[in-house]
Protein backbone atom coordinates (compact mmCIF):
# COMPACT_ATOMS: atom_id res chain seq x y z
CA MET A 1 107.19 100.24 110.62
CA LEU A 2 108.73 97.92 112.63
CA LYS A 3 107.46 97.18 115.86
CA CYS A 4 109.36 95.60 119.05
CA HIS A 5 107.77 93.51 121.45
CA LEU A 6 110.65 93.42 124.01
CA SER A 7 108.83 95.47 126.91
CA LYS A 8 105.70 93.39 126.48
CA ILE A 9 107.79 90.05 126.91
CA MET A 10 109.80 90.98 129.19
CA GLY A 11 106.79 92.36 131.65
CA GLU A 12 104.99 88.82 130.93
CA LYS A 13 108.11 86.90 132.02
CA ARG A 14 108.85 89.53 134.97
CA LEU A 15 112.31 90.43 133.83
CA LYS A 16 114.39 93.58 134.55
CA MET A 17 116.57 94.89 132.20
CA SER A 18 119.44 94.70 134.44
CA ASP A 19 118.58 90.83 134.90
CA VAL A 20 118.55 90.81 130.70
CA SER A 21 121.84 92.67 130.19
CA ARG A 22 123.34 90.49 133.39
CA ASP A 23 122.46 87.02 131.84
CA THR A 24 123.15 87.88 128.18
CA GLY A 25 126.01 89.92 128.32
CA ILE A 26 124.11 92.54 126.11
CA ASN A 27 125.05 96.36 127.25
CA PRO A 28 122.31 97.94 129.52
CA GLY A 29 122.10 100.74 127.20
CA THR A 30 121.35 98.40 124.18
CA ILE A 31 118.66 96.69 126.11
CA ARG A 32 116.91 100.00 127.36
CA ARG A 33 117.06 101.33 123.57
CA ILE A 34 115.47 98.17 122.09
CA PHE A 35 113.09 98.13 125.22
CA ASN A 36 112.12 101.59 124.63
CA GLU A 37 111.87 101.44 120.87
CA THR A 38 114.35 104.38 120.39
CA ALA A 39 117.20 101.79 118.67
CA THR A 40 117.83 102.83 115.00
CA ARG A 41 119.73 99.69 114.35
CA VAL A 42 120.31 96.27 116.37
CA GLU A 43 123.12 93.95 115.57
CA LEU A 44 121.97 90.41 114.43
CA ASN A 45 123.91 88.60 117.04
CA VAL A 46 122.01 90.87 119.69
CA VAL A 47 118.65 89.95 118.28
CA GLU A 48 119.52 86.04 118.39
CA THR A 49 120.72 86.21 121.95
CA LEU A 50 117.58 87.86 123.11
CA CYS A 51 115.77 85.50 121.17
CA GLU A 52 117.87 82.60 122.53
CA TYR A 53 117.32 83.69 126.27
CA LEU A 54 113.55 84.51 125.88
CA GLU A 55 112.89 81.49 124.14
CA ILE A 56 111.07 83.20 121.08
CA GLY A 57 111.28 83.52 117.69
CA VAL A 58 112.39 86.62 115.79
CA GLY A 59 108.85 87.12 114.34
CA GLU A 60 107.76 87.18 118.26
CA LEU A 61 110.17 90.06 118.97
CA TYR A 62 109.91 92.11 116.15
CA GLU A 63 106.80 92.69 113.61
CA LEU A 64 106.57 94.48 110.67
CA GLN A 65 103.34 97.12 110.85
CA GLY A 66 101.81 98.73 108.39
CA LYS A 67 103.03 99.20 104.69
CA LYS A 68 105.19 101.93 103.15
CA THR A 69 104.81 103.18 99.58
CA LYS A 70 108.17 102.96 97.67
CA GLU A 71 108.46 106.86 98.09
CA GLU A 72 108.18 106.59 101.71
CA CYS A 73 111.10 104.12 101.78
CA GLU A 74 113.85 106.15 99.73
């Protein structure tokens, strides 16, 4: 399972979704879905933009948790 830490990071930096959207040019709906962990796919340029804006690495934004068996992945 892929865990996104955007909500935690934004909370620590006291950032609002609207501020991040305005400052990065990322659609507010996209920010909301990533923040709420309901996004099923995210463009790599969005991940890159968020990481640059927040001054973090991809591994700080996303974390792989738990292992799936081969059958679960198919």
